[in-house]
Amino acid sequence: MEREPRRERDQSDERRRPRRPEPEATRHRMAAAEAAQAGLEQVVVLTGREAEGVVFLEPVDDGWVVGVEVVEDRRIPSSTDVLAIYQAEIDVNGDLVGYARKRRYGRGTGERGESGP
């Protein structure tokens, strides 16, 4: 029995094969620092308030969830400022999908502070 010579693949072979979808794990995901910056900037623009910084960052299937601490009300002395945590949802392209105020509290009260409206 004679074997047929091995045929080299050409481009037409590649075109005939259906492409498999790219696995979720290999899709390009925005870097954590970029997502944090995008979330912070969006919250500042939407609330019109000054941000203290990013307080949490969590990857999710379709992007990132970013927690941003914002000064809601400046007072004198500053130890009586009212702060809030806003949660921003950022997609894999860096676009804002949604945001909400999650907590409001006095500066320095930490986890003991009461949740606000």
C-alpha atoms as a PDB file:
ATOM      1  CA  MET A   1       0.000   0.000   0.000  1.00  0.00           C
ATOM      2  CA  GLU A   2       1.368   3.301  -1.062  1.00  0.00           C
ATOM      3  CA  ARG A   3       0.835   6.374   1.084  1.00  0.00           C
ATOM      4  CA  GLU A   4      -0.295   9.535  -0.526  1.00  0.00           C
ATOM      5  CA  PRO A   5       2.169  12.368  -0.215  1.00  0.00           C
ATOM      6  CA  ARG A   6       1.353  14.681   2.661  1.00  0.00           C
ATOM      7  CA  ARG A   7      -0.372  17.769   1.413  1.00  0.00           C
ATOM      8  CA  GLU A   8       0.679  21.125   2.792  1.00  0.00           C
ATOM      9  CA  ARG A   9      -2.121  23.332   4.032  1.00  0.00           C
ATOM     10  CA  ASP A  10      -2.868  26.328   1.953  1.00  0.00           C
ATOM     11  CA  GLN A  11      -4.937  29.388   2.732  1.00  0.00           C
ATOM     12  CA  SER A  12      -8.038  27.902   1.095  1.00  0.00           C
ATOM     13  CA  ASP A  13      -8.072  25.140   3.758  1.00  0.00           C
ATOM     14  CA  GLU A  14      -8.086  27.767   6.500  1.00  0.00           C
ATOM     15  CA  ARG A  15     -10.998  29.619   4.888  1.00  0.00           C
ATOM     16  CA  ARG A  16     -13.151  26.500   4.791  1.00  0.00           C
ATOM     17  CA  ARG A  17     -12.862  25.799   8.487  1.00  0.00           C
ATOM     18  CA  PRO A  18     -15.325  27.620  10.694  1.00  0.00           C
ATOM     19  CA  ARG A  19     -13.622  29.710  13.336  1.00  0.00           C
ATOM     20  CA  ARG A  20     -14.274  28.785  16.928  1.00  0.00           C
ATOM     21  CA  PRO A  21     -15.207  31.638  19.237  1.00  0.00           C
ATOM     22  CA  GLU A  22     -12.335  32.952  21.288  1.00  0.00           C
ATOM     23  CA  PRO A  23     -12.377  31.525  24.829  1.00  0.00           C
ATOM     24  CA  GLU A  24     -13.520  33.984  27.503  1.00  0.00           C
ATOM     25  CA  ALA A  25     -10.199  33.765  29.330  1.00  0.00           C
ATOM     26  CA  THR A  26      -8.167  34.927  26.320  1.00  0.00           C
ATOM     27  CA  ARG A  27     -10.231  37.982  25.422  1.00  0.00           C
ATOM     28  CA  HIS A  28      -8.460  41.278  25.967  1.00  0.00           C
ATOM     29  CA  ARG A  29      -9.287  42.626  29.395  1.00  0.00           C
ATOM     30  CA  MET A  30      -8.574  46.163  30.463  1.00  0.00           C
ATOM     31  CA  ALA A  31      -5.775  46.343  33.041  1.00  0.00           C
ATOM     32  CA  ALA A  32      -6.788  46.889  36.669  1.00  0.00           C
ATOM     33  CA  ALA A  33      -5.129  50.317  36.876  1.00  0.00           C
ATOM     34  CA  GLU A  34      -6.926  51.463  33.710  1.00  0.00           C
ATOM     35  CA  ALA A  35     -10.275  50.240  35.033  1.00  0.00           C
ATOM     36  CA  ALA A  36      -9.720  51.970  38.381  1.00  0.00           C
ATOM     37  CA  GLN A  37      -8.854  55.252  36.649  1.00  0.00           C
ATOM     38  CA  ALA A  38     -11.855  54.982  34.309  1.00  0.00           C
ATOM     39  CA  GLY A  39     -14.220  54.333  37.225  1.00  0.00           C
ATOM     40  CA  LEU A  40     -12.831  57.218  39.257  1.00  0.00           C
ATOM     41  CA  GLU A  41     -13.058  59.660  36.349  1.00  0.00           C
ATOM     42  CA  GLN A  42     -16.636  58.655  35.504  1.00  0.00           C
ATOM     43  CA  VAL A  43     -17.836  59.037  39.104  1.00  0.00           C
ATOM     44  CA  VAL A  44     -16.215  62.487  39.353  1.00  0.00           C
ATOM     45  CA  VAL A  45     -17.854  63.619  36.100  1.00  0.00           C
ATOM     46  CA  LEU A  46     -21.293  62.267  37.028  1.00  0.00           C
ATOM     47  CA  THR A  47     -21.375  63.483  40.641  1.00  0.00           C
ATOM     48  CA  GLY A  48     -19.487  66.740  40.166  1.00  0.00           C
ATOM     49  CA  ARG A  49     -17.673  65.986  43.411  1.00  0.00           C
ATOM     50  CA  GLU A  50     -14.049  65.473  44.383  1.00  0.00           C
ATOM     51  CA  ALA A  51     -12.830  61.885  44.694  1.00  0.00           C
ATOM     52  CA  GLU A  52     -10.627  60.779  47.569  1.00  0.00           C
ATOM     53  CA  GLY A  53      -9.590  57.661  45.666  1.00  0.00           C
ATOM     54  CA  VAL A  54     -10.414  54.118  44.625  1.00  0.00           C
ATOM     55  CA  VAL A  55     -11.296  51.946  47.629  1.00  0.00           C
ATOM     56  CA  PHE A  56     -11.998  48.647  45.888  1.00  0.00           C
ATOM     57  CA  LEU A  57     -11.629  47.020  42.491  1.00  0.00           C
ATOM     58  CA  GLU A  58     -13.080  43.684  41.459  1.00  0.00           C
ATOM     59  CA  PRO A  59     -12.929  41.854  38.126  1.00  0.00           C
ATOM     60  CA  VAL A  60     -16.260  40.531  36.833  1.00  0.00           C
ATOM     61  CA  ASP A  61     -17.150  38.523  33.712  1.00  0.00           C
ATOM     62  CA  ASP A  62     -17.804  41.551  31.530  1.00  0.00           C
ATOM     63  CA  GLY A  63     -15.412  44.131  32.995  1.00  0.00           C
ATOM     64  CA  TRP A  64     -14.707  45.605  36.423  1.00  0.00           C
ATOM     65  CA  VAL A  65     -16.535  46.920  39.480  1.00  0.00           C
ATOM     66  CA  VAL A  66     -14.796  49.960  40.962  1.00  0.00           C
ATOM     67  CA  GLY A  67     -15.476  51.541  44.361  1.00  0.00           C
ATOM     68  CA  VAL A  68     -14.727  55.256  44.562  1.00  0.00           C
ATOM     69  CA  GLU A  69     -14.734  57.315  47.768  1.00  0.00           C
ATOM     70  CA  VAL A  70     -16.112  60.816  47.201  1.00  0.00           C
ATOM     71  CA  VAL A  71     -16.358  63.920  49.415  1.00  0.00           C
ATOM     72  CA  GLU A  72     -20.094  64.639  49.443  1.00  0.00           C
ATOM     73  CA  ASP A  73     -19.976  67.600  51.850  1.00  0.00           C
ATOM     74  CA  ARG A  74     -16.875  69.529  52.947  1.00  0.00           C
ATOM     75  CA  ARG A  75     -17.075  70.859  56.488  1.00  0.00           C
ATOM     76  CA  ILE A  76     -14.883  72.708  58.957  1.00  0.00           C
ATOM     77  CA  PRO A  77     -13.085  70.995  60.540  1.00  0.00           C
ATOM     78  CA  SER A  78     -12.415  68.477  57.760  1.00  0.00           C
ATOM     79  CA  SER A  79     -12.770  65.630  60.248  1.00  0.00           C
ATOM     80  CA  THR A  80     -16.537  66.216  59.986  1.00  0.00           C
ATOM     81  CA  ASP A  81     -16.680  65.897  56.161  1.00  0.00           C
ATOM     82  CA  VAL A  82     -19.382  63.633  54.756  1.00  0.00           C
ATOM     83  CA  LEU A  83     -18.003  60.944  52.423  1.00  0.00           C
ATOM     84  CA  ALA A  84     -19.666  58.378  50.188  1.00  0.00           C
ATOM     85  CA  ILE A  85     -18.712  55.220  48.351  1.00  0.00           C
ATOM     86  CA  TYR A  86     -19.887  55.021  44.734  1.00  0.00           C
ATOM     87  CA  GLN A  87     -19.758  51.780  42.816  1.00  0.00           C
ATOM     88  CA  ALA A  88     -19.030  52.068  39.088  1.00  0.00           C
ATOM     89  CA  GLU A  89     -19.411  49.199  36.627  1.00  0.00           C
ATOM     90  CA  ILE A  90     -16.874  49.425  33.800  1.00  0.00           C
ATOM     91  CA  ASP A  91     -17.011  47.166  30.725  1.00  0.00           C
ATOM     92  CA  VAL A  92     -13.990  45.582  29.004  1.00  0.00           C
ATOM     93  CA  ASN A  93     -13.663  48.658  26.765  1.00  0.00           C
ATOM     94  CA  GLY A  94     -13.488  51.076  29.702  1.00  0.00           C
ATOM     95  CA  ASP A  95     -17.012  52.426  29.241  1.00  0.00           C
ATOM     96  CA  LEU A  96     -19.328  53.065  32.173  1.00  0.00           C
ATOM     97  CA  VAL A  97     -22.225  50.602  32.303  1.00  0.00           C
ATOM     98  CA  GLY A  98     -23.772  51.783  35.572  1.00  0.00           C
ATOM     99  CA  TYR A  99     -23.071  53.450  38.886  1.00  0.00           C
ATOM    100  CA  ALA A 100     -24.718  53.900  42.274  1.00  0.00           C
ATOM    101  CA  ARG A 101     -24.007  55.419  45.680  1.00  0.00           C
ATOM    102  CA  LYS A 102     -23.588  52.493  48.046  1.00  0.00           C
ATOM    103  CA  ARG A 103     -22.794  54.146  51.348  1.00  0.00           C
ATOM    104  CA  ARG A 104     -22.631  57.573  53.018  1.00  0.00           C
ATOM    105  CA  TYR A 105     -20.759  58.289  56.274  1.00  0.00           C
ATOM    106  CA  GLY A 106     -18.783  60.838  58.268  1.00  0.00           C
ATOM    107  CA  ARG A 107     -15.035  60.980  57.815  1.00  0.00           C
ATOM    108  CA  GLY A 108     -13.251  58.871  60.371  1.00  0.00           C
ATOM    109  CA  THR A 109     -16.225  56.654  61.192  1.00  0.00           C
ATOM    110  CA  GLY A 110     -15.065  53.823  58.898  1.00  0.00           C
ATOM    111  CA  GLU A 111     -17.141  50.650  59.072  1.00  0.00           C
ATOM    112  CA  ARG A 112     -18.949  51.930  62.163  1.00  0.00           C
ATOM    113  CA  GLY A 113     -20.666  54.673  60.100  1.00  0.00           C
ATOM    114  CA  GLU A 114     -24.294  54.380  59.190  1.00  0.00           C
ATOM    115  CA  SER A 115     -25.399  53.703  55.641  1.00  0.00           C
ATOM    116  CA  GLY A 116     -27.166  56.634  54.082  1.00  0.00           C
ATOM    117  CA  PRO A 117     -29.830  56.941  51.437  1.00  0.00           C
END
